[in-house]
Amino acid sequence: MFTGIVEQIGTIVSIEKELENVHFTVESTITDELKIDQSVAHNGCCLTVVSITANHYVVTAIAETIHKTNLGHWNVGDKINLERCMQMNGRLDGHIVQGHVDTTAQCINIEDQNGSWKYTFRYAKHPEHITVEKGSITINGTSLTVVDSLATEFSVCIIPFTYEFTNFHTLKVGDAVNLEFDIIGKYVAKLLNNQR
């Protein structure tokens, strides 16, 4: 379980394919605080630490993960948002995030608003993938508030702190991002769809 508050930006230093699995080696300043078998959200995707060496650690993604996330687009040198699992005795500063990516979206517009940035994203239609204005959404592991909400598009606004300390400053129009929709909204949507 996560909160969507990004702790650190990591760097992909190696990508190794083994059968259908992909091993990602990540460099991060939080590596010395990690342990093997720990869950870490990478751009919002929960992956397990399988080995640690100095300031590098390795996580493995299976074919299902590669298919449903933007991990298949990662390259050596890419910057990714990192968050360790939440502690039950801490504050929930973002919202309840499972680290289970629902789908990817494409960035279709970035607007500089003279002190903040407005990002607009488009995703494939699905009955349980909904956003609501002022509701929560997780983009690349970052807990954000929806500004505009349409059937398959939504926008969020980013303050300078979030822009600098997450990988939002590296996003370009056309890039794919990981989305995790609000868990409460997903349950409500599923219940309503099952009643039809």
N, C-alpha and C. Protein backbone atom coordinates (compact mmCIF):
# COMPACT_ATOMS: atom_id res chain seq x y z
N MET A 1 0.85 -1.18 0.00
CA MET A 1 0.00 0.00 0.00
C MET A 1 0.89 1.24 0.00
N PHE A 2 0.48 2.24 -0.78
CA PHE A 2 1.27 3.45 -0.94
C PHE A 2 0.36 4.68 -0.77
N THR A 3 0.97 5.86 -0.82
CA THR A 3 0.20 7.10 -0.65
C THR A 3 0.23 7.99 -1.89
N GLY A 4 1.13 7.70 -2.83
CA GLY A 4 1.26 8.55 -4.00
C GLY A 4 2.12 9.78 -3.76
N ILE A 5 2.85 9.79 -2.64
CA ILE A 5 3.79 10.88 -2.37
C ILE A 5 5.19 10.37 -2.74
N VAL A 6 5.72 10.87 -3.83
CA VAL A 6 6.99 10.39 -4.36
C VAL A 6 8.13 10.77 -3.41
N GLU A 7 8.96 9.78 -3.07
CA GLU A 7 10.08 10.02 -2.16
C GLU A 7 11.35 10.45 -2.87
N GLN A 8 11.56 9.89 -4.04
CA GLN A 8 12.85 10.05 -4.70
C GLN A 8 12.69 9.76 -6.19
N ILE A 9 13.57 10.34 -6.99
CA ILE A 9 13.64 9.98 -8.41
C ILE A 9 14.81 9.03 -8.57
N GLY A 10 14.55 7.86 -9.18
CA GLY A 10 15.60 6.90 -9.45
C GLY A 10 15.98 6.95 -10.93
N THR A 11 17.10 6.32 -11.26
CA THR A 11 17.58 6.27 -12.64
C THR A 11 17.74 4.82 -13.07
N ILE A 12 17.20 4.48 -14.23
CA ILE A 12 17.39 3.13 -14.78
C ILE A 12 18.82 3.04 -15.31
N VAL A 13 19.61 2.09 -14.77
CA VAL A 13 21.01 1.95 -15.20
C VAL A 13 21.24 0.69 -16.02
N SER A 14 20.29 -0.25 -15.98
CA SER A 14 20.46 -1.47 -16.77
C SER A 14 19.09 -2.12 -16.97
N ILE A 15 18.90 -2.71 -18.16
CA ILE A 15 17.68 -3.45 -18.47
C ILE A 15 18.10 -4.78 -19.08
N GLU A 16 17.66 -5.87 -18.45
CA GLU A 16 18.06 -7.20 -18.94
C GLU A 16 16.82 -8.07 -19.10
N LYS A 17 16.65 -8.62 -20.29
CA LYS A 17 15.50 -9.49 -20.55
C LYS A 17 15.91 -10.93 -20.30
N GLU A 18 15.05 -11.68 -19.62
CA GLU A 18 15.26 -13.10 -19.37
C GLU A 18 13.95 -13.82 -19.62
N LEU A 19 13.88 -14.56 -20.73
CA LEU A 19 12.63 -15.16 -21.19
C LEU A 19 11.59 -14.05 -21.31
N GLU A 20 10.45 -14.16 -20.62
CA GLU A 20 9.42 -13.11 -20.70
C GLU A 20 9.56 -12.06 -19.61
N ASN A 21 10.52 -12.25 -18.72
CA ASN A 21 10.73 -11.30 -17.62
C ASN A 21 11.73 -10.23 -18.01
N VAL A 22 11.64 -9.08 -17.36
CA VAL A 22 12.61 -8.00 -17.56
C VAL A 22 13.13 -7.57 -16.20
N HIS A 23 14.45 -7.55 -16.05
CA HIS A 23 15.10 -7.12 -14.82
C HIS A 23 15.58 -5.68 -15.00
N PHE A 24 15.14 -4.80 -14.12
CA PHE A 24 15.54 -3.39 -14.16
C PHE A 24 16.49 -3.12 -12.99
N THR A 25 17.65 -2.57 -13.29
CA THR A 25 18.56 -2.13 -12.23
C THR A 25 18.38 -0.63 -12.07
N VAL A 26 18.14 -0.23 -10.83
CA VAL A 26 17.81 1.16 -10.51
C VAL A 26 18.87 1.74 -9.59
N GLU A 27 19.29 2.96 -9.86
CA GLU A 27 20.19 3.69 -8.97
C GLU A 27 19.38 4.72 -8.21
N SER A 28 19.56 4.74 -6.89
CA SER A 28 18.76 5.65 -6.07
C SER A 28 19.47 5.91 -4.74
N THR A 29 19.23 7.09 -4.18
CA THR A 29 19.81 7.42 -2.88
C THR A 29 19.10 6.72 -1.73
N ILE A 30 17.97 6.07 -2.00
CA ILE A 30 17.29 5.31 -0.93
C ILE A 30 17.68 3.84 -0.93
N THR A 31 18.58 3.45 -1.83
CA THR A 31 18.95 2.03 -1.94
C THR A 31 19.45 1.46 -0.62
N ASP A 32 20.26 2.23 0.12
CA ASP A 32 20.82 1.71 1.37
C ASP A 32 19.77 1.51 2.45
N GLU A 33 18.56 2.01 2.23
CA GLU A 33 17.48 1.81 3.20
C GLU A 33 16.55 0.66 2.79
N LEU A 34 16.81 0.07 1.63
CA LEU A 34 15.96 -1.01 1.14
C LEU A 34 16.46 -2.36 1.62
N LYS A 35 15.60 -3.36 1.53
CA LYS A 35 16.00 -4.73 1.79
C LYS A 35 15.35 -5.63 0.75
N ILE A 36 15.95 -6.78 0.54
CA ILE A 36 15.42 -7.73 -0.43
C ILE A 36 14.03 -8.17 -0.01
N ASP A 37 13.13 -8.30 -0.98
CA ASP A 37 11.73 -8.69 -0.80
C ASP A 37 10.84 -7.52 -0.40
N GLN A 38 11.39 -6.29 -0.42
CA GLN A 38 10.59 -5.11 -0.08
C GLN A 38 9.85 -4.62 -1.32
N SER A 39 8.66 -4.08 -1.11
CA SER A 39 7.86 -3.52 -2.20
C SER A 39 8.18 -2.04 -2.37
N VAL A 40 8.42 -1.64 -3.62
CA VAL A 40 8.68 -0.25 -3.96
C VAL A 40 7.85 0.09 -5.18
N ALA A 41 7.19 1.24 -5.16
CA ALA A 41 6.43 1.70 -6.32
C ALA A 41 7.39 2.41 -7.28
N HIS A 42 7.38 1.97 -8.54
CA HIS A 42 8.20 2.54 -9.60
C HIS A 42 7.26 3.13 -10.64
N ASN A 43 7.19 4.47 -10.70
CA ASN A 43 6.18 5.13 -11.54
C ASN A 43 4.79 4.58 -11.23
N GLY A 44 4.58 4.25 -9.94
CA GLY A 44 3.27 3.78 -9.49
C GLY A 44 3.06 2.29 -9.60
N CYS A 45 4.04 1.56 -10.11
CA CYS A 45 3.92 0.11 -10.27
C CYS A 45 4.69 -0.58 -9.16
N CYS A 46 3.99 -1.36 -8.35
CA CYS A 46 4.60 -2.05 -7.22
C CYS A 46 5.47 -3.20 -7.71
N LEU A 47 6.77 -3.14 -7.42
CA LEU A 47 7.72 -4.18 -7.81
C LEU A 47 8.53 -4.58 -6.58
N THR A 48 9.00 -5.81 -6.57
CA THR A 48 9.73 -6.36 -5.43
C THR A 48 11.24 -6.27 -5.66
N VAL A 49 11.94 -5.80 -4.65
CA VAL A 49 13.41 -5.73 -4.71
C VAL A 49 13.95 -7.17 -4.62
N VAL A 50 14.75 -7.56 -5.64
CA VAL A 50 15.27 -8.94 -5.65
C VAL A 50 16.77 -9.01 -5.37
N SER A 51 17.49 -7.90 -5.55
CA SER A 51 18.90 -7.87 -5.17
C SER A 51 19.35 -6.43 -4.96
N ILE A 52 20.41 -6.29 -4.15
CA ILE A 52 20.93 -4.96 -3.82
C ILE A 52 22.46 -5.02 -3.89
N THR A 53 23.06 -4.02 -4.58
CA THR A 53 24.52 -3.90 -4.65
C THR A 53 24.88 -2.42 -4.57
N ALA A 54 25.55 -2.04 -3.50
CA ALA A 54 25.95 -0.62 -3.30
C ALA A 54 24.72 0.27 -3.42
N ASN A 55 24.73 1.21 -4.38
CA ASN A 55 23.57 2.12 -4.51
C ASN A 55 22.65 1.71 -5.65
N HIS A 56 22.75 0.45 -6.07
CA HIS A 56 21.86 -0.10 -7.10
C HIS A 56 21.01 -1.23 -6.52
N TYR A 57 19.82 -1.37 -7.04
CA TYR A 57 19.00 -2.53 -6.70
C TYR A 57 18.27 -2.99 -7.95
N VAL A 58 17.79 -4.24 -7.92
CA VAL A 58 17.15 -4.84 -9.08
C VAL A 58 15.72 -5.23 -8.74
N VAL A 59 14.80 -4.96 -9.67
CA VAL A 59 13.42 -5.42 -9.58
C VAL A 59 13.10 -6.16 -10.88
N THR A 60 12.15 -7.09 -10.81
CA THR A 60 11.78 -7.89 -11.97
C THR A 60 10.32 -7.67 -12.32
N ALA A 61 10.07 -7.45 -13.61
CA ALA A 61 8.69 -7.31 -14.10
C ALA A 61 8.35 -8.49 -15.00
N ILE A 62 7.18 -9.07 -14.78
CA ILE A 62 6.73 -10.18 -15.62
C ILE A 62 6.00 -9.62 -16.85
N ALA A 63 5.67 -10.49 -17.78
CA ALA A 63 5.04 -10.07 -19.04
C ALA A 63 3.76 -9.29 -18.81
N GLU A 64 2.93 -9.73 -17.85
CA GLU A 64 1.66 -9.03 -17.55
C GLU A 64 1.92 -7.59 -17.13
N THR A 65 2.94 -7.38 -16.32
CA THR A 65 3.28 -6.03 -15.87
C THR A 65 3.76 -5.17 -17.04
N ILE A 66 4.63 -5.73 -17.87
CA ILE A 66 5.13 -5.00 -19.04
C ILE A 66 3.97 -4.61 -19.96
N HIS A 67 3.01 -5.51 -20.12
CA HIS A 67 1.88 -5.28 -21.02
C HIS A 67 0.95 -4.17 -20.52
N LYS A 68 0.74 -4.08 -19.21
CA LYS A 68 -0.26 -3.16 -18.67
C LYS A 68 0.29 -1.83 -18.18
N THR A 69 1.61 -1.65 -18.25
CA THR A 69 2.23 -0.43 -17.72
C THR A 69 3.11 0.22 -18.79
N ASN A 70 3.79 1.29 -18.40
CA ASN A 70 4.72 1.93 -19.34
C ASN A 70 6.15 1.41 -19.17
N LEU A 71 6.34 0.34 -18.39
CA LEU A 71 7.68 -0.19 -18.16
C LEU A 71 8.35 -0.65 -19.44
N GLY A 72 7.57 -1.12 -20.40
CA GLY A 72 8.13 -1.57 -21.67
C GLY A 72 8.74 -0.44 -22.48
N HIS A 73 8.43 0.80 -22.12
CA HIS A 73 8.98 1.98 -22.82
C HIS A 73 10.23 2.52 -22.12
N TRP A 74 10.58 1.96 -20.96
CA TRP A 74 11.72 2.48 -20.22
C TRP A 74 13.02 2.20 -20.97
N ASN A 75 13.95 3.14 -20.83
CA ASN A 75 15.28 3.02 -21.42
C ASN A 75 16.32 3.34 -20.35
N VAL A 76 17.53 2.86 -20.57
CA VAL A 76 18.63 3.20 -19.67
C VAL A 76 18.77 4.72 -19.63
N GLY A 77 18.87 5.27 -18.42
CA GLY A 77 18.96 6.72 -18.23
C GLY A 77 17.64 7.38 -17.88
N ASP A 78 16.51 6.66 -18.06
CA ASP A 78 15.21 7.24 -17.72
C ASP A 78 15.10 7.49 -16.22
N LYS A 79 14.39 8.56 -15.88
CA LYS A 79 14.13 8.91 -14.49
C LYS A 79 12.75 8.39 -14.10
N ILE A 80 12.66 7.72 -12.95
CA ILE A 80 11.39 7.16 -12.50
C ILE A 80 11.09 7.59 -11.07
N ASN A 81 9.79 7.73 -10.79
CA ASN A 81 9.34 8.11 -9.45
C ASN A 81 9.36 6.88 -8.54
N LEU A 82 9.89 7.05 -7.33
CA LEU A 82 9.99 5.96 -6.37
C LEU A 82 9.26 6.29 -5.08
N GLU A 83 8.58 5.29 -4.53
CA GLU A 83 7.96 5.42 -3.20
C GLU A 83 8.00 4.06 -2.51
N ARG A 84 8.53 4.04 -1.29
CA ARG A 84 8.45 2.82 -0.50
C ARG A 84 7.04 2.68 0.08
N CYS A 85 6.68 1.46 0.48
CA CYS A 85 5.34 1.24 1.01
C CYS A 85 5.10 2.09 2.26
N MET A 86 3.83 2.43 2.48
CA MET A 86 3.50 3.33 3.58
C MET A 86 3.62 2.62 4.92
N GLN A 87 3.93 3.40 5.95
CA GLN A 87 3.96 2.88 7.31
C GLN A 87 2.61 3.15 7.96
N MET A 88 2.09 2.18 8.66
CA MET A 88 0.75 2.30 9.23
C MET A 88 0.67 3.33 10.35
N ASN A 89 1.81 3.77 10.87
CA ASN A 89 1.78 4.76 11.95
C ASN A 89 2.06 6.17 11.44
N GLY A 90 1.99 6.36 10.10
CA GLY A 90 2.27 7.67 9.52
C GLY A 90 1.02 8.32 8.96
N ARG A 91 1.19 9.56 8.52
CA ARG A 91 0.09 10.29 7.92
C ARG A 91 -0.12 9.84 6.48
N LEU A 92 -1.37 9.81 6.04
CA LEU A 92 -1.71 9.49 4.66
C LEU A 92 -1.82 10.82 3.91
N ASP A 93 -0.67 11.32 3.42
CA ASP A 93 -0.63 12.64 2.82
C ASP A 93 -1.25 12.69 1.43
N GLY A 94 -1.23 11.59 0.70
CA GLY A 94 -1.81 11.56 -0.64
C GLY A 94 -3.19 10.94 -0.59
N HIS A 95 -3.33 9.75 -1.16
CA HIS A 95 -4.57 8.98 -1.02
C HIS A 95 -4.19 7.50 -1.06
N ILE A 96 -5.15 6.61 -0.89
CA ILE A 96 -4.85 5.18 -0.84
C ILE A 96 -4.48 4.70 -2.25
N VAL A 97 -3.24 4.25 -2.38
CA VAL A 97 -2.70 3.79 -3.66
C VAL A 97 -2.22 2.35 -3.48
N GLN A 98 -2.64 1.46 -4.37
CA GLN A 98 -2.27 0.05 -4.23
C GLN A 98 -0.96 -0.30 -4.94
N GLY A 99 -0.55 0.51 -5.89
CA GLY A 99 0.62 0.16 -6.69
C GLY A 99 0.28 -0.81 -7.80
N HIS A 100 -1.02 -0.94 -8.10
CA HIS A 100 -1.50 -1.81 -9.18
C HIS A 100 -1.96 -0.93 -10.33
N VAL A 101 -1.16 -0.81 -11.34
CA VAL A 101 -1.46 0.07 -12.47
C VAL A 101 -2.66 -0.47 -13.23
N ASP A 102 -3.65 0.39 -13.48
CA ASP A 102 -4.86 -0.01 -14.21
C ASP A 102 -4.66 0.01 -15.71
N THR A 103 -3.99 1.05 -16.18
CA THR A 103 -3.79 1.21 -17.62
C THR A 103 -2.76 2.31 -17.83
N THR A 104 -2.43 2.55 -19.08
CA THR A 104 -1.57 3.68 -19.40
C THR A 104 -2.40 4.75 -20.09
N ALA A 105 -1.88 5.95 -20.08
CA ALA A 105 -2.50 7.08 -20.78
C ALA A 105 -1.43 7.81 -21.55
N GLN A 106 -1.87 8.57 -22.54
CA GLN A 106 -0.93 9.37 -23.33
C GLN A 106 -1.08 10.83 -22.94
N CYS A 107 0.05 11.48 -22.73
CA CYS A 107 0.03 12.92 -22.48
C CYS A 107 -0.28 13.62 -23.81
N ILE A 108 -1.38 14.39 -23.84
CA ILE A 108 -1.78 15.03 -25.09
C ILE A 108 -1.61 16.55 -25.07
N ASN A 109 -1.34 17.11 -23.89
CA ASN A 109 -1.10 18.56 -23.85
C ASN A 109 -0.39 18.94 -22.55
N ILE A 110 0.53 19.88 -22.65
CA ILE A 110 1.19 20.46 -21.47
C ILE A 110 1.09 21.97 -21.62
N GLU A 111 0.50 22.60 -20.62
CA GLU A 111 0.29 24.05 -20.67
C GLU A 111 1.02 24.72 -19.50
N ASP A 112 1.94 25.60 -19.83
CA ASP A 112 2.64 26.38 -18.81
C ASP A 112 1.70 27.48 -18.35
N GLN A 113 1.36 27.47 -17.06
CA GLN A 113 0.40 28.44 -16.52
C GLN A 113 1.08 29.49 -15.65
N ASN A 114 2.32 29.82 -16.01
CA ASN A 114 3.04 30.91 -15.34
C ASN A 114 3.15 30.67 -13.83
N GLY A 115 3.78 29.57 -13.48
CA GLY A 115 3.95 29.23 -12.06
C GLY A 115 3.45 27.83 -11.73
N SER A 116 2.66 27.28 -12.61
CA SER A 116 2.23 25.89 -12.49
C SER A 116 2.11 25.33 -13.90
N TRP A 117 1.84 24.03 -13.98
CA TRP A 117 1.72 23.38 -15.28
C TRP A 117 0.45 22.55 -15.29
N LYS A 118 -0.27 22.59 -16.41
CA LYS A 118 -1.48 21.79 -16.59
C LYS A 118 -1.19 20.70 -17.62
N TYR A 119 -1.36 19.46 -17.20
CA TYR A 119 -1.13 18.30 -18.07
C TYR A 119 -2.48 17.65 -18.38
N THR A 120 -2.67 17.31 -19.64
CA THR A 120 -3.89 16.62 -20.06
C THR A 120 -3.52 15.25 -20.61
N PHE A 121 -4.30 14.23 -20.22
CA PHE A 121 -4.02 12.84 -20.59
C PHE A 121 -5.26 12.20 -21.21
N ARG A 122 -5.02 11.26 -22.13
CA ARG A 122 -6.11 10.49 -22.76
C ARG A 122 -5.84 9.01 -22.55
N TYR A 123 -6.90 8.25 -22.26
CA TYR A 123 -6.77 6.81 -22.03
C TYR A 123 -7.91 6.08 -22.72
N ALA A 124 -7.76 4.77 -22.90
CA ALA A 124 -8.78 3.96 -23.57
C ALA A 124 -10.01 3.82 -22.68
N LYS A 125 -11.17 3.83 -23.31
CA LYS A 125 -12.43 3.74 -22.56
C LYS A 125 -12.57 2.37 -21.91
N HIS A 126 -13.00 2.39 -20.64
CA HIS A 126 -13.24 1.18 -19.86
C HIS A 126 -14.28 1.55 -18.81
N PRO A 127 -15.28 0.70 -18.59
CA PRO A 127 -16.37 1.07 -17.66
C PRO A 127 -15.95 1.34 -16.22
N GLU A 128 -14.80 0.80 -15.80
CA GLU A 128 -14.37 1.00 -14.42
C GLU A 128 -13.25 2.03 -14.29
N HIS A 129 -12.86 2.62 -15.39
CA HIS A 129 -11.81 3.64 -15.37
C HIS A 129 -12.45 5.00 -15.51
N ILE A 130 -12.70 5.62 -14.38
CA ILE A 130 -13.38 6.92 -14.39
C ILE A 130 -12.61 7.92 -13.53
N THR A 131 -12.76 9.18 -13.91
CA THR A 131 -12.23 10.26 -13.07
C THR A 131 -13.38 11.20 -12.75
N VAL A 132 -13.23 11.94 -11.68
CA VAL A 132 -14.21 12.97 -11.33
C VAL A 132 -13.44 14.23 -10.94
N GLU A 133 -14.02 15.37 -11.26
CA GLU A 133 -13.37 16.62 -10.88
C GLU A 133 -13.18 16.68 -9.38
N LYS A 134 -12.00 17.09 -8.97
CA LYS A 134 -11.57 17.18 -7.57
C LYS A 134 -11.35 15.82 -6.93
N GLY A 135 -11.43 14.75 -7.73
CA GLY A 135 -11.14 13.42 -7.23
C GLY A 135 -9.66 13.11 -7.34
N SER A 136 -9.26 11.95 -6.83
CA SER A 136 -7.85 11.56 -6.83
C SER A 136 -7.52 10.69 -8.04
N ILE A 137 -6.29 10.83 -8.52
CA ILE A 137 -5.76 9.98 -9.59
C ILE A 137 -4.27 9.81 -9.31
N THR A 138 -3.72 8.66 -9.65
CA THR A 138 -2.29 8.43 -9.51
C THR A 138 -1.67 8.35 -10.90
N ILE A 139 -0.72 9.25 -11.18
CA ILE A 139 -0.02 9.29 -12.46
C ILE A 139 1.45 9.03 -12.21
N ASN A 140 1.98 7.95 -12.80
CA ASN A 140 3.37 7.57 -12.56
C ASN A 140 3.69 7.55 -11.06
N GLY A 141 2.73 7.09 -10.27
CA GLY A 141 2.94 6.96 -8.83
C GLY A 141 2.74 8.22 -8.03
N THR A 142 2.32 9.31 -8.68
CA THR A 142 2.14 10.59 -8.00
C THR A 142 0.65 10.83 -7.74
N SER A 143 0.29 11.04 -6.48
CA SER A 143 -1.09 11.33 -6.10
C SER A 143 -1.43 12.77 -6.50
N LEU A 144 -2.46 12.91 -7.35
CA LEU A 144 -2.84 14.22 -7.85
C LEU A 144 -4.35 14.39 -7.83
N THR A 145 -4.78 15.64 -7.97
CA THR A 145 -6.20 15.97 -7.99
C THR A 145 -6.63 16.28 -9.42
N VAL A 146 -7.72 15.66 -9.84
CA VAL A 146 -8.25 15.88 -11.19
C VAL A 146 -8.83 17.29 -11.29
N VAL A 147 -8.47 18.00 -12.36
CA VAL A 147 -9.01 19.34 -12.61
C VAL A 147 -10.20 19.25 -13.56
N ASP A 148 -9.97 18.77 -14.77
CA ASP A 148 -11.03 18.58 -15.76
C ASP A 148 -11.23 17.09 -15.96
N SER A 149 -12.48 16.67 -16.11
CA SER A 149 -12.77 15.25 -16.26
C SER A 149 -13.74 15.03 -17.41
N LEU A 150 -13.30 14.26 -18.42
CA LEU A 150 -14.14 13.86 -19.54
C LEU A 150 -14.18 12.33 -19.58
N ALA A 151 -14.88 11.76 -20.55
CA ALA A 151 -15.06 10.31 -20.61
C ALA A 151 -13.73 9.56 -20.68
N THR A 152 -12.81 10.02 -21.51
CA THR A 152 -11.53 9.33 -21.65
C THR A 152 -10.35 10.31 -21.58
N GLU A 153 -10.59 11.49 -21.03
CA GLU A 153 -9.54 12.48 -20.86
C GLU A 153 -9.68 13.15 -19.50
N PHE A 154 -8.57 13.61 -18.98
CA PHE A 154 -8.61 14.39 -17.75
C PHE A 154 -7.36 15.25 -17.70
N SER A 155 -7.39 16.24 -16.83
CA SER A 155 -6.20 17.08 -16.64
C SER A 155 -5.90 17.22 -15.16
N VAL A 156 -4.64 17.53 -14.88
CA VAL A 156 -4.18 17.81 -13.52
C VAL A 156 -3.27 19.02 -13.59
N CYS A 157 -3.14 19.72 -12.48
CA CYS A 157 -2.21 20.84 -12.40
C CYS A 157 -1.09 20.50 -11.42
N ILE A 158 0.12 20.91 -11.77
CA ILE A 158 1.31 20.56 -11.02
C ILE A 158 1.95 21.83 -10.46
N ILE A 159 2.20 21.82 -9.16
CA ILE A 159 2.89 22.95 -8.54
C ILE A 159 4.40 22.80 -8.78
N PRO A 160 5.18 23.87 -8.62
CA PRO A 160 6.62 23.78 -8.88
C PRO A 160 7.34 22.68 -8.10
N PHE A 161 6.98 22.45 -6.84
CA PHE A 161 7.64 21.41 -6.05
C PHE A 161 7.46 20.04 -6.70
N THR A 162 6.22 19.71 -7.08
CA THR A 162 5.93 18.42 -7.72
C THR A 162 6.64 18.33 -9.06
N TYR A 163 6.65 19.42 -9.81
CA TYR A 163 7.32 19.46 -11.11
C TYR A 163 8.80 19.12 -10.97
N GLU A 164 9.44 19.66 -9.94
CA GLU A 164 10.88 19.48 -9.76
C GLU A 164 11.24 18.14 -9.16
N PHE A 165 10.45 17.66 -8.17
CA PHE A 165 10.85 16.49 -7.40
C PHE A 165 10.17 15.19 -7.84
N THR A 166 9.49 15.20 -8.98
CA THR A 166 9.00 13.97 -9.61
C THR A 166 9.50 14.00 -11.05
N ASN A 167 9.15 12.97 -11.83
CA ASN A 167 9.61 12.98 -13.22
C ASN A 167 8.66 13.73 -14.16
N PHE A 168 7.75 14.53 -13.61
CA PHE A 168 6.87 15.33 -14.47
C PHE A 168 7.68 16.31 -15.34
N HIS A 169 8.80 16.79 -14.84
CA HIS A 169 9.60 17.73 -15.64
C HIS A 169 10.23 17.07 -16.86
N THR A 170 10.21 15.73 -16.92
CA THR A 170 10.76 15.03 -18.09
C THR A 170 9.67 14.64 -19.09
N LEU A 171 8.38 14.79 -18.71
CA LEU A 171 7.28 14.37 -19.59
C LEU A 171 7.17 15.27 -20.81
N LYS A 172 6.86 14.63 -21.94
CA LYS A 172 6.62 15.36 -23.18
C LYS A 172 5.28 14.91 -23.75
N VAL A 173 4.68 15.74 -24.58
CA VAL A 173 3.45 15.35 -25.28
C VAL A 173 3.74 14.08 -26.08
N GLY A 174 2.87 13.09 -25.95
CA GLY A 174 3.05 11.81 -26.62
C GLY A 174 3.58 10.72 -25.72
N ASP A 175 4.13 11.09 -24.55
CA ASP A 175 4.66 10.09 -23.62
C ASP A 175 3.53 9.28 -22.97
N ALA A 176 3.84 8.03 -22.67
CA ALA A 176 2.89 7.16 -21.95
C ALA A 176 3.18 7.23 -20.46
N VAL A 177 2.12 7.29 -19.66
CA VAL A 177 2.24 7.29 -18.20
C VAL A 177 1.38 6.18 -17.62
N ASN A 178 1.73 5.75 -16.41
CA ASN A 178 0.94 4.76 -15.69
C ASN A 178 -0.19 5.44 -14.93
N LEU A 179 -1.39 4.85 -15.00
CA LEU A 179 -2.53 5.37 -14.25
C LEU A 179 -3.03 4.33 -13.26
N GLU A 180 -3.31 4.78 -12.04
CA GLU A 180 -4.09 3.99 -11.10
C GLU A 180 -5.26 4.86 -10.67
N PHE A 181 -6.46 4.41 -11.00
CA PHE A 181 -7.66 5.17 -10.66
C PHE A 181 -7.99 4.97 -9.19
N ASP A 182 -8.74 5.89 -8.64
CA ASP A 182 -9.10 5.86 -7.22
C ASP A 182 -9.83 4.56 -6.88
N ILE A 183 -9.36 3.86 -5.85
CA ILE A 183 -9.90 2.55 -5.50
C ILE A 183 -11.38 2.61 -5.14
N ILE A 184 -11.79 3.67 -4.46
CA ILE A 184 -13.21 3.79 -4.10
C ILE A 184 -14.07 3.96 -5.35
N GLY A 185 -13.60 4.80 -6.27
CA GLY A 185 -14.31 4.99 -7.54
C GLY A 185 -14.41 3.71 -8.34
N LYS A 186 -13.36 2.89 -8.31
CA LYS A 186 -13.38 1.62 -9.05
C LYS A 186 -14.41 0.66 -8.48
N TYR A 187 -14.50 0.60 -7.14
CA TYR A 187 -15.50 -0.28 -6.52
C TYR A 187 -16.91 0.18 -6.83
N VAL A 188 -17.14 1.48 -6.76
CA VAL A 188 -18.48 2.02 -7.06
C VAL A 188 -18.84 1.73 -8.51
N ALA A 189 -17.91 1.97 -9.43
CA ALA A 189 -18.16 1.73 -10.86
C ALA A 189 -18.47 0.25 -11.11
N LYS A 190 -17.74 -0.65 -10.46
CA LYS A 190 -17.98 -2.08 -10.66
C LYS A 190 -19.34 -2.50 -10.13
N LEU A 191 -19.72 -1.97 -8.96
CA LEU A 191 -21.03 -2.29 -8.39
C LEU A 191 -22.15 -1.81 -9.31
N LEU A 192 -22.02 -0.59 -9.81
CA LEU A 192 -23.06 -0.04 -10.70
C LEU A 192 -23.12 -0.81 -12.01
N ASN A 193 -21.97 -1.18 -12.56
CA ASN A 193 -21.95 -1.95 -13.82
C ASN A 193 -22.55 -3.34 -13.64
N ASN A 194 -22.35 -3.94 -12.47
CA ASN A 194 -22.90 -5.27 -12.20
C ASN A 194 -24.42 -5.28 -12.03
N GLN A 195 -24.98 -4.09 -11.70
CA GLN A 195 -26.42 -3.99 -11.50
C GLN A 195 -27.17 -3.79 -12.82
N ARG A 196 -26.45 -3.53 -13.88
CA ARG A 196 -27.10 -3.27 -15.19
C ARG A 196 -27.42 -4.55 -15.90
